[in-house]
């Protein structure tokens, strides 16, 4: 480094205090390479060219070099792990961990430049973005979104666009979830969001797609990869008319299966994908039907994690995730089919087949529902009693004692106050650090208003996917629960929710968070009967529960579609690992964390705490007439086409 330094990497102790015994590393304009020789370390986890920092008058970036190195950049509330080849922008006072949890340095500018100190929200970094376009983005509108202009809504500022800064490295994706990309939103609102082709990709050997509604024509055109998979089964909840159309349009090698529904008014509603690869299995749990509008126009969520095959010589014991998964799949009772897999030959694909994968690093717990009258040992195996059972095993921070609950969903069943108390008891389970129960939480129901639907990206048509019958909506006891769908920070105020989430929170911190197919109904969650000795469930549902935990932090995460994998030492244990305490937060959280903890941001699309309805707000009901025209000049009811074509 021959030029005059314009910044330094200042060494820090693990408690993040300056370590004066180690020299600062000067950084000059242009590219600066940092490796183990620069810090006089013999640690072989550090490469000679471990990372590079590129500085200019307007920006500073860090790039992880080499094939194995991993580094961490902590900027304010956000802590991001970077793998080989990944880049990140850095600003004054950001903290860099050359190895996660080790070799702490603070990036310090000698004469801080305003351009380098703070990330501007509208720097025009996208390909030649012009001022007029930047102005529209500031106002949170696209060229086709005229409702915001007509309603005179206030411009959005940096704090409100929190999803713009949401980013997580590939090996930590399973610790959080992602929102689905929405076609009509500005680019910032789709940061780190996904589409169907982002998850169904690679050399898939077997695919099992679980869903409620399936538009076969759309699926095959929107996702060409799935048409090339040699073995596909679709588990669905469609009626006879659509089923006949699916049979005619599906590829010849596809199997269709509708699970048995032993109790009236039940559905197969679970939305998941199980993709088998040469390297392992990818499990995806999400909230979107396999139809165009769900993957393009609505607020949706998706979780995904890849798991390797178990070693034949070390089959290992099952874990909670594995047991719950296999138990759930076994209840679907699909017709077994035989496939030929590399290194395994002919093998039957049934529920037990999924015991062949190593789920020991599963980042979530599964919460499923299956239809039936569940008693005895099965009473706490499904629905809200399963959630209660898992939460009762957990210890949460004291701040969550008597903290509120949020129920957010897109279909409202026929409810009563007794059942609402029953559900709240399950969702309030768990213990505080002082060993006392968390106590009953007061729930709020986030539900779109008539105006939300009328002014949405789809207009009244969005209400077709928010089935709230008037007889259910107008029950008087529900009035105290109603709260608004407000989603400015994720850019999704006008993307009506089809996502379903349940959580307990305090401020912007989350005790736990559930992403699920379950709406607010007895059919989905179950209702206790016979003096609480029996749980009756009508439908199949599936969700993933995010919990705070202590976990091992390690290098690269396993992937079915890349060559990355957990770093192992000679004994087969995870290398470079250390115990970490995780904390779940929303994207608007503004706190700090120490080196012994890891903050996991979850892209909760709506604001917390939710704002209660005012006297002028009317909850959406889909069987009511609305004569005030929507953004497309339409009134309600109207015909809505959900499938590409139908006989």
Foldseek 3Di string as FASTA:
>chain_A
DPDDFQKWWFWADLFRHGDPVFDIHGDHAAKDFDWCVSRVDPPPLTHRRQKIWHDDLQWIKIAGADQFWKKWKADFADIAIDGHGDMDTDAAQIWMARFQSHGITGIHGPDHDPNRHDDAPPPVPPDNDDPVNSVCVQQLADPPQCLSVVVVDDGHHDLLQLQLPDDYDPQCQQLFKAKFAAAGGDPSLCRVHHFPQVQLDDQFAEKEWEAEDAFLVLLCVVHVSVLPHQYYEYEYFDDPQVVVVCVVRPPPRYHYHYFDFPDPPATAGWGWMWTQFLFFIKIKGWQAGNFDCRRHFATIMMHMDTWGFDDPVDLDDDDQQLVLQLVQQQNRPDDWDWDQDPPPGIDIDGSVVNSRTDCVPRQWGKAKADFDKAFDPRLCSHFLSVLLVVQQVAEFALLLQQFAKEWEAQEAAADDPVVVVVSQVSVQAHHYPVRHGSDGHHYAYEFAFLQLQQSAPVHVLVNVRRAYAPVRQPDVVNQVRYFYFAFSNSSCSRRHHNWTKMFTDDAFWTQKIKTKNDHHYCQGRFDADDVRRITGHRYIMMIIMRHWDKDKDATGHDDSRDPTHFDADPVRDGPSIDIETETEGESSDRHHDRSRYYYDYYPPRGDPPTHRDDPPTHGDHQPDWADPHGPVRDTPDDDDDGHPDGD
